[in-house]
Amino acid sequence: MRTHIQRAGTLLGLLIALPAAQAGSVTAGSADVTVSGGVTGGYFRTTNIGVKDVDDYAVPDFLVELSTPSDGAVGVTAAFGHLGEPSIWEGGVPPNPPENNVDLQYGYLTVPAGSGITVDAGILATMIGYEVAPTYANANVLLGSVWYEQPVYYKGIRATWAGNGLNVFAEANDDPAVGGKSAVVGVNGSAGPVNYAVSYDNGFKSYSAGSKDILDIIVSGTLGGIDTALNLDYQKLDNQVSSLDDSAYGLALYATFPVAAMTTIPVRVEYISDGTSGLYEGVDSGYTFTVTPTYHYTENTFVRGELAYISASNDVFTKDDGSLTGTNTSFNVQAGVTF
């Protein structure tokens, strides 16, 4: 597992009491710098991760992003902080002592190249996948099983052309976390009320298997007042192991139901199938269900509870007595501030 949670005591009450943060900009020298980011903290409890200590107080997210405009000039984006990336696989409770690193998460220069083309170079955020690493920017607290097998941040260079309502990009990257280099191409835009994104990654090195190709498709929009999205991944190993499957797919459906002026209930349902390829932790086939009732005190502050369940055909989880099982259930409460 690639998750790292920072143990920091009970910050839940403190975060709830914080006033609304206001996004804004400051002037540094002659440049206008926009400051944004967020902080979350909460309580996480899970089952079947092989240890008896199955709960934790944690600060999964502490991120400050600084950016300067790139219109007609070179722009800069840099984000510092700690991202624990709590996933549904371990319920946000680390099985090993966590890393407490505060570091540069991503940072890049944006260079306008004319004719609607810009070039980003540095540590980039992937264009693949609907969910993102900072949990405060997602509708659910725990990151899903589909997200878990997607790239996150990596060194690279990306060229993007924007025009006619489309963004078309191509990039070359090198992910030091898994030691793999790949090339990615994609397009995103909208057709009426529907937003879409299609990406193809040729050679991403999997966390749980070998080098693979990823075809990622995202469709999102609002249906009857309900924010919905669909994320489909098809993955194929570059070097098939004899007698094993060489492909897998994951499907994630997201829906956020408004129930009151400041209250929503986001739901995520996933289906994953990897056969014998091992691309989704060796589940063979499985599904996840996550529900996250959320109350917003203000536009910038929230508190939410969450119940997450994952079931696999194969016994991929370990009980505290060492026996194996195919299910895992997690519960967490999280508060957050964005700015």
Protein backbone atom coordinates (compact mmCIF):
# COMPACT_ATOMS: atom_id res chain seq x y z
CA MET A 1 0.00 0.00 0.00
CA ARG A 2 1.22 3.51 -0.77
CA THR A 3 -0.75 5.40 1.87
CA HIS A 4 0.93 7.51 4.55
CA ILE A 5 -1.15 9.13 7.32
CA GLN A 6 0.23 11.74 9.68
CA ARG A 7 -0.65 11.08 13.34
CA ALA A 8 -1.38 14.42 15.00
CA GLY A 9 -3.87 13.98 17.85
CA THR A 10 -7.46 15.16 17.84
CA LEU A 11 -7.77 18.25 15.65
CA LEU A 12 -11.41 17.60 14.80
CA GLY A 13 -12.88 20.06 17.30
CA LEU A 14 -10.31 22.70 16.43
CA LEU A 15 -11.03 22.46 12.71
CA ILE A 16 -14.78 22.71 13.24
CA ALA A 17 -14.29 25.87 15.27
CA LEU A 18 -12.12 27.64 12.69
CA PRO A 19 -13.72 30.55 10.83
CA ALA A 20 -14.22 30.40 7.09
CA ALA A 21 -10.99 30.86 5.19
CA GLN A 22 -10.99 33.36 2.35
CA ALA A 23 -9.20 32.64 -0.90
CA GLY A 24 -7.15 35.56 -2.12
CA SER A 25 -3.91 36.87 -3.49
CA VAL A 26 -0.90 38.71 -2.22
CA THR A 27 1.74 40.76 -3.98
CA ALA A 28 5.27 39.43 -3.75
CA GLY A 29 7.68 41.86 -5.37
CA SER A 30 6.00 42.73 -8.67
CA ALA A 31 4.03 39.46 -9.00
CA ASP A 32 0.47 38.74 -7.87
CA VAL A 33 0.47 35.40 -6.03
CA THR A 34 -2.75 33.46 -5.47
CA VAL A 35 -2.85 31.35 -2.30
CA SER A 36 -5.15 28.33 -2.01
CA GLY A 37 -5.24 24.93 -0.33
CA GLY A 38 -6.79 23.22 2.65
CA VAL A 39 -6.45 21.32 5.91
CA THR A 40 -8.42 18.30 7.12
CA GLY A 41 -8.35 16.23 10.28
CA GLY A 42 -10.43 13.43 11.70
CA TYR A 43 -10.91 10.01 13.21
CA PHE A 44 -10.49 6.83 11.15
CA ARG A 45 -11.52 3.29 12.04
CA THR A 46 -11.32 0.17 9.90
CA THR A 47 -11.29 -3.63 9.96
CA ASN A 48 -9.19 -6.44 8.55
CA ILE A 49 -5.82 -4.80 7.92
CA GLY A 50 -3.86 -7.39 9.89
CA VAL A 51 -3.37 -5.49 13.15
CA LYS A 52 -5.42 -4.99 16.31
CA ASP A 53 -4.89 -1.21 16.43
CA VAL A 54 -7.51 -0.36 13.81
CA ASP A 55 -8.24 3.28 14.57
CA ASP A 56 -6.29 6.51 14.35
CA TYR A 57 -6.56 10.28 14.65
CA ALA A 58 -4.98 11.84 11.61
CA VAL A 59 -4.39 14.94 9.52
CA PRO A 60 -4.52 13.52 5.97
CA ASP A 61 -4.28 16.90 4.26
CA PHE A 62 -2.23 20.02 4.82
CA LEU A 63 -1.56 21.75 1.52
CA VAL A 64 -0.73 25.33 0.54
CA GLU A 65 -0.63 26.15 -3.16
CA LEU A 66 0.98 29.31 -4.52
CA SER A 67 0.47 30.33 -8.14
CA THR A 68 1.09 33.31 -10.40
CA PRO A 69 -0.81 34.20 -13.60
CA SER A 70 0.56 32.80 -16.85
CA ASP A 71 -1.38 34.97 -19.32
CA GLY A 72 1.24 36.20 -21.72
CA ALA A 73 4.11 35.44 -19.34
CA VAL A 74 5.75 32.56 -17.52
CA GLY A 75 3.61 31.36 -14.64
CA VAL A 76 4.53 29.34 -11.56
CA THR A 77 2.52 26.86 -9.50
CA ALA A 78 3.90 25.19 -6.36
CA ALA A 79 2.18 23.26 -3.56
CA PHE A 80 3.78 22.41 -0.22
CA GLY A 81 2.45 20.24 2.57
CA HIS A 82 1.51 16.72 3.60
CA LEU A 83 -0.91 14.44 1.74
CA GLY A 84 -1.70 11.19 3.53
CA GLU A 85 -3.85 9.83 0.66
CA PRO A 86 -6.11 7.63 2.85
CA SER A 87 -7.62 4.94 0.64
CA ILE A 88 -10.50 2.53 0.93
CA TRP A 89 -8.00 -0.37 0.98
CA GLU A 90 -6.80 0.38 4.53
CA GLY A 91 -9.53 2.75 5.71
CA GLY A 92 -7.12 5.58 6.50
CA VAL A 93 -5.39 3.60 9.26
CA PRO A 94 -1.71 2.93 8.47
CA PRO A 95 -0.50 -0.63 9.13
CA ASN A 96 3.02 0.67 9.70
CA PRO A 97 4.47 3.76 11.41
CA PRO A 98 3.44 6.68 9.17
CA GLU A 99 5.68 9.14 7.43
CA ASN A 100 5.22 12.72 8.65
CA ASN A 101 6.85 14.44 5.70
CA VAL A 102 5.97 18.00 4.74
CA ASP A 103 7.39 18.46 1.28
CA LEU A 104 6.89 19.88 -2.20
CA GLN A 105 3.96 17.89 -3.59
CA TYR A 106 3.92 19.41 -7.06
CA GLY A 107 5.41 22.45 -8.74
CA TYR A 108 5.88 23.55 -12.32
CA LEU A 109 6.49 26.45 -14.69
CA THR A 110 3.86 27.32 -17.30
CA VAL A 111 5.30 28.79 -20.49
CA PRO A 112 3.06 30.23 -23.23
CA ALA A 113 4.23 29.00 -26.62
CA GLY A 114 1.77 30.85 -28.86
CA SER A 115 -1.17 29.68 -31.02
CA GLY A 116 -3.09 28.53 -27.94
CA ILE A 117 -0.27 26.26 -26.74
CA THR A 118 1.18 26.24 -23.23
CA VAL A 119 3.95 24.07 -21.83
CA ASP A 120 4.11 22.92 -18.18
CA ALA A 121 7.38 21.52 -16.86
CA GLY A 122 8.28 20.28 -13.38
CA ILE A 123 6.41 18.02 -10.97
CA LEU A 124 2.97 17.66 -12.54
CA ALA A 125 -0.42 16.46 -11.33
CA THR A 126 -1.78 13.66 -13.51
CA MET A 127 -4.64 14.33 -15.91
CA ILE A 128 -5.92 10.78 -15.37
CA GLY A 129 -8.80 10.03 -13.02
CA TYR A 130 -11.75 11.83 -11.45
CA GLU A 131 -10.49 11.88 -7.84
CA VAL A 132 -7.47 13.88 -6.65
CA ALA A 133 -4.98 13.30 -3.85
CA PRO A 134 -6.16 16.10 -1.45
CA THR A 135 -9.26 14.60 0.16
CA TYR A 136 -10.89 17.98 0.78
CA ALA A 137 -11.27 18.36 -3.00
CA ASN A 138 -13.24 15.09 -3.31
CA ALA A 139 -16.82 14.33 -2.34
CA ASN A 140 -15.67 11.30 -0.30
CA VAL A 141 -12.99 11.08 2.39
CA LEU A 142 -11.32 7.76 1.50
CA LEU A 143 -9.85 7.58 -2.00
CA GLY A 144 -11.37 4.83 -4.13
CA SER A 145 -9.99 1.59 -5.52
CA VAL A 146 -10.04 2.98 -9.08
CA TRP A 147 -7.98 6.01 -7.97
CA TYR A 148 -5.51 3.70 -6.21
CA GLU A 149 -4.20 2.27 -9.48
CA GLN A 150 -3.86 5.63 -11.23
CA PRO A 151 -0.80 7.90 -11.28
CA VAL A 152 -0.77 10.95 -8.98
CA TYR A 153 2.23 13.35 -9.17
CA TYR A 154 5.38 12.90 -11.22
CA LYS A 155 8.23 14.72 -12.94
CA GLY A 156 7.44 15.58 -16.52
CA ILE A 157 6.69 18.02 -19.30
CA ARG A 158 3.23 18.59 -20.78
CA ALA A 159 2.14 20.59 -23.84
CA THR A 160 -1.52 21.67 -24.01
CA TRP A 161 -3.42 23.21 -26.91
CA ALA A 162 -6.65 25.04 -26.05
CA GLY A 163 -9.15 26.03 -28.71
CA ASN A 164 -12.69 25.47 -29.99
CA GLY A 165 -13.82 24.41 -26.51
CA LEU A 166 -11.21 21.64 -26.32
CA ASN A 167 -7.99 21.04 -24.45
CA VAL A 168 -5.63 18.58 -26.12
CA PHE A 169 -2.43 17.57 -24.35
CA ALA A 170 0.62 15.35 -24.69
CA GLU A 171 3.24 14.68 -22.04
CA ALA A 172 6.31 12.66 -21.14
CA ASN A 173 6.85 11.81 -17.49
CA ASP A 174 9.01 9.93 -15.03
CA ASP A 175 7.39 8.78 -11.78
CA PRO A 176 10.17 8.29 -9.20
CA ALA A 177 7.75 6.70 -6.71
CA VAL A 178 7.44 3.59 -8.85
CA GLY A 179 10.44 3.95 -11.15
CA GLY A 180 8.51 4.13 -14.40
CA LYS A 181 8.53 6.40 -17.45
CA SER A 182 5.54 6.85 -19.72
CA ALA A 183 3.91 9.03 -22.35
CA VAL A 184 0.36 10.34 -22.04
CA VAL A 185 -2.04 11.92 -24.52
CA GLY A 186 -5.56 13.14 -23.92
CA VAL A 187 -8.41 15.51 -24.64
CA ASN A 188 -11.04 17.13 -22.45
CA GLY A 189 -13.94 19.48 -23.06
CA SER A 190 -17.72 19.68 -22.92
CA ALA A 191 -20.69 18.81 -25.09
CA GLY A 192 -23.67 20.80 -23.88
CA PRO A 193 -24.17 20.06 -20.17
CA VAL A 194 -21.79 17.09 -20.22
CA ASN A 195 -18.07 17.35 -19.43
CA TYR A 196 -15.71 14.67 -20.70
CA ALA A 197 -12.06 13.66 -20.57
CA VAL A 198 -10.23 10.85 -22.36
CA SER A 199 -6.59 9.98 -21.59
CA TYR A 200 -4.20 7.23 -22.64
CA ASP A 201 -1.06 6.44 -20.64
CA ASN A 202 1.46 4.25 -22.41
CA GLY A 203 3.73 2.58 -19.87
CA PHE A 204 2.77 3.63 -16.33
CA LYS A 205 4.40 1.30 -13.81
CA SER A 206 1.74 -0.12 -11.50
CA TYR A 207 2.04 -0.09 -7.73
CA SER A 208 0.76 -3.68 -7.54
CA ALA A 209 1.85 -5.11 -10.90
CA GLY A 210 4.24 -4.33 -13.73
CA SER A 211 4.32 -1.70 -16.46
CA LYS A 212 0.89 -1.14 -17.96
CA ASP A 213 -1.15 0.98 -20.33
CA ILE A 214 -4.20 2.89 -19.03
CA LEU A 215 -7.19 4.10 -21.01
CA ASP A 216 -9.13 6.51 -18.78
CA ILE A 217 -12.57 7.96 -19.58
CA ILE A 218 -14.47 10.49 -17.44
CA VAL A 219 -17.98 11.79 -18.06
CA SER A 220 -19.61 14.24 -15.62
CA GLY A 221 -22.51 16.65 -15.32
CA THR A 222 -25.60 17.53 -13.31
CA LEU A 223 -28.74 15.43 -13.72
CA GLY A 224 -31.90 16.65 -12.01
CA GLY A 225 -29.86 18.68 -9.54
CA ILE A 226 -27.60 15.70 -8.71
CA ASP A 227 -23.90 16.07 -9.52
CA THR A 228 -22.84 12.84 -11.19
CA ALA A 229 -19.67 11.44 -12.72
CA LEU A 230 -18.47 8.20 -14.23
CA ASN A 231 -14.80 7.16 -14.34
CA LEU A 232 -13.79 4.10 -16.37
CA ASP A 233 -10.27 2.68 -16.45
CA TYR A 234 -9.11 -0.10 -18.75
CA GLN A 235 -5.64 -1.35 -17.93
CA LYS A 236 -3.37 -3.75 -19.80
CA LEU A 237 0.00 -5.13 -18.73
CA ASP A 238 2.84 -4.52 -21.17
CA ASN A 239 4.49 -7.85 -20.35
CA GLN A 240 1.99 -10.62 -19.69
CA VAL A 241 2.99 -13.32 -17.23
CA SER A 242 2.38 -16.77 -18.68
CA SER A 243 -0.98 -18.30 -17.65
CA LEU A 244 -2.17 -15.03 -16.04
CA ASP A 245 -4.61 -12.44 -17.34
CA ASP A 246 -3.05 -9.33 -18.87
CA SER A 247 -5.86 -6.79 -18.40
CA ALA A 248 -8.30 -5.35 -15.87
CA TYR A 249 -10.90 -2.64 -15.60
CA GLY A 250 -12.40 -0.45 -12.93
CA LEU A 251 -15.62 1.56 -13.00
CA ALA A 252 -16.50 4.26 -10.47
CA LEU A 253 -19.87 6.04 -10.30
CA TYR A 254 -20.23 9.23 -8.23
CA ALA A 255 -23.46 10.98 -7.24
CA THR A 256 -23.93 13.85 -4.79
CA PHE A 257 -27.48 14.22 -3.50
CA PRO A 258 -28.52 17.62 -2.09
CA VAL A 259 -30.77 17.15 0.95
CA ALA A 260 -30.77 20.66 2.47
CA ALA A 261 -29.26 24.10 1.89
CA MET A 262 -25.91 23.18 3.47
CA THR A 263 -26.12 19.37 3.50
CA THR A 264 -25.30 16.80 0.82
CA ILE A 265 -24.93 13.02 0.68
CA PRO A 266 -22.21 11.96 -1.78
CA VAL A 267 -22.24 8.30 -2.80
CA ARG A 268 -19.53 6.36 -4.65
CA VAL A 269 -20.05 2.87 -6.10
CA GLU A 270 -17.18 1.01 -7.78
CA TYR A 271 -16.76 -2.25 -9.61
CA ILE A 272 -13.28 -3.66 -10.24
CA SER A 273 -12.23 -6.76 -12.14
CA ASP A 274 -8.64 -7.94 -12.56
CA GLY A 275 -8.95 -11.72 -12.96
CA THR A 276 -5.50 -13.14 -12.28
CA SER A 277 -3.58 -10.06 -13.47
CA GLY A 278 -3.15 -8.55 -9.97
CA LEU A 279 -3.81 -5.06 -11.32
CA TYR A 280 -6.42 -4.34 -8.63
CA GLU A 281 -4.73 -5.95 -5.64
CA GLY A 282 -5.64 -9.45 -6.84
CA VAL A 283 -9.37 -9.19 -6.05
CA ASP A 284 -10.43 -11.20 -9.15
CA SER A 285 -13.62 -9.14 -9.00
CA GLY A 286 -15.06 -6.86 -6.36
CA TYR A 287 -17.10 -3.80 -5.54
CA THR A 288 -17.00 -0.88 -3.13
CA PHE A 289 -19.71 1.30 -1.64
CA THR A 290 -19.03 4.63 0.09
CA VAL A 291 -21.54 7.10 1.54
CA THR A 292 -20.44 10.43 3.01
CA PRO A 293 -23.08 12.71 4.60
CA THR A 294 -21.58 16.22 4.60
CA TYR A 295 -22.55 19.44 6.36
CA HIS A 296 -21.05 22.74 5.21
CA TYR A 297 -20.84 25.39 7.95
CA THR A 298 -19.77 27.86 5.27
CA GLU A 299 -18.54 27.62 1.71
CA ASN A 300 -15.04 26.96 3.08
CA THR A 301 -15.63 24.75 6.14
CA PHE A 302 -17.28 21.35 6.48
CA VAL A 303 -17.69 18.26 8.62
CA ARG A 304 -18.60 14.82 7.28
CA GLY A 305 -19.00 11.25 8.35
CA GLU A 306 -18.38 8.27 6.12
CA LEU A 307 -19.08 4.56 5.86
CA ALA A 308 -17.07 2.61 3.28
CA TYR A 309 -17.31 -1.07 2.38
CA ILE A 310 -15.24 -3.17 -0.01
CA SER A 311 -15.86 -6.78 -1.03
CA ALA A 312 -13.63 -9.00 -3.18
CA SER A 313 -14.02 -12.47 -4.66
CA ASN A 314 -10.56 -13.40 -3.37
CA ASP A 315 -9.53 -13.14 0.29
CA VAL A 316 -7.20 -10.14 0.04
CA PHE A 317 -7.68 -8.73 3.56
CA THR A 318 -6.12 -10.01 6.80
CA LYS A 319 -7.93 -10.19 10.13
CA ASP A 320 -6.04 -9.45 13.35
CA ASP A 321 -5.76 -13.21 14.03
CA GLY A 322 -3.95 -13.72 10.73
CA SER A 323 -6.81 -15.38 8.85
CA LEU A 324 -7.91 -14.03 5.47
CA THR A 325 -11.20 -12.52 4.36
CA GLY A 326 -12.65 -10.83 1.31
CA THR A 327 -14.28 -7.82 3.00
CA ASN A 328 -13.30 -4.62 4.75
CA THR A 329 -15.48 -1.99 6.44
CA SER A 330 -14.32 1.50 7.41
CA PHE A 331 -15.83 4.43 9.30
CA ASN A 332 -14.43 7.92 9.62
CA VAL A 333 -15.35 11.45 10.67
CA GLN A 334 -13.53 14.36 9.06
CA ALA A 335 -13.61 18.14 9.29
CA GLY A 336 -11.91 20.49 6.91
CA VAL A 337 -11.12 24.05 5.90
CA THR A 338 -10.33 25.16 2.37
CA PHE A 339 -8.90 28.50 1.33
